Amino acid sequence: MKGTLYIVATPIGNLEDITLRALKVLKEADLIAAEDTRHTLKLLNHFGIKKRLVSYWSEREKLKAQEITVKLGEGLSVALVSDAGTPGIQDPGGELIRRAIEAGIEVVAIPGPSASIAALTISGLETSEFTFIGFLPPKKGERTKKLKELALEERTLIFYEAPHRLTDTLSDMNDEFQDRKAALVKELTKMHEDVIRGSLRDILEELENKKIAGEYVIVVEGRPKRTQTPPVDEAVAEVKALMKKGIGRKEAVKTVAKSYGLSKKDLYARSLE
């Protein structure tokens, strides 16, 4: 009989946020697969759990995923954890989950803390529709290109960012998103948790007087939705504006046509005039 792979969400800061179900699974699993065994050991010691650990971090993930899948096939139950939050969401773990599914192993979610959702709920921005982006490319050119692609997105956007790139990323966002409302959430559930709300420009100005350190989530409002279908001329102007920013005509037309509810073929023809 095959074992079960449990995807266990762990605290993103405050250890009291772990669920009773997560503790039960960690205690009863035959093996715990951890992103970093040293980090997970602190969590286990806090709750008095003694269990065999195996690391699957970085370059070792593919190799370890194969080894762990074999153990699952032999009937062992495995609890998969990352350093914080849910495995596979901007964290390692996806490789093992895919291999387990392909091998016919039962995969069970043990939900819990999520930095992205926690930040969204306290941002004050629209929560009915949102899209999680995670970390943007570290290089400015690639990051700017990605932000250009997201400029027409009407849903609330959620990003993660490292402290050493924070001001550069916020500045690029301000350039591409035209000073939209946003929330910068620092060190969620930890001692130095902090939230800055306002326009992207306001946030940048406030950061000038703050120490930048820790883990950050950036929540940005989506492009304001239109109440009526705008004129084609406006859509054509937007296509040309995107092209000036380096986006190809075909891709620009596709993006704008979807946003405006227009025919791609007609808008492409109009953009050539």
Foldseek 3Di string as FASTA:
>chain_A
DFAEEEFAAQAPADRVQGDPVSVVCQQPFQEEEEQDVVLVVVSCVVVVHDHHYDYLHDPNVLVVLVVVLVVRRVHGYYYYYYSHGTDPPLHHDPNNVVSNVVVVHHYHYHHTDDPQVVCVVPQPADDPFEDEDEAADPDPVRRLVVLLLQLQPQHKYKYKDALVCVLVNLVSNCVRNVFFWKKKWFDPPHPPTDIDTDTSVVVSVVCVPPDRHHIIMMITGHDDADPDQDDLVVLLVQLVVSVVVPDDSLSSLVSSCVRRVHDSVVSSVVNVD
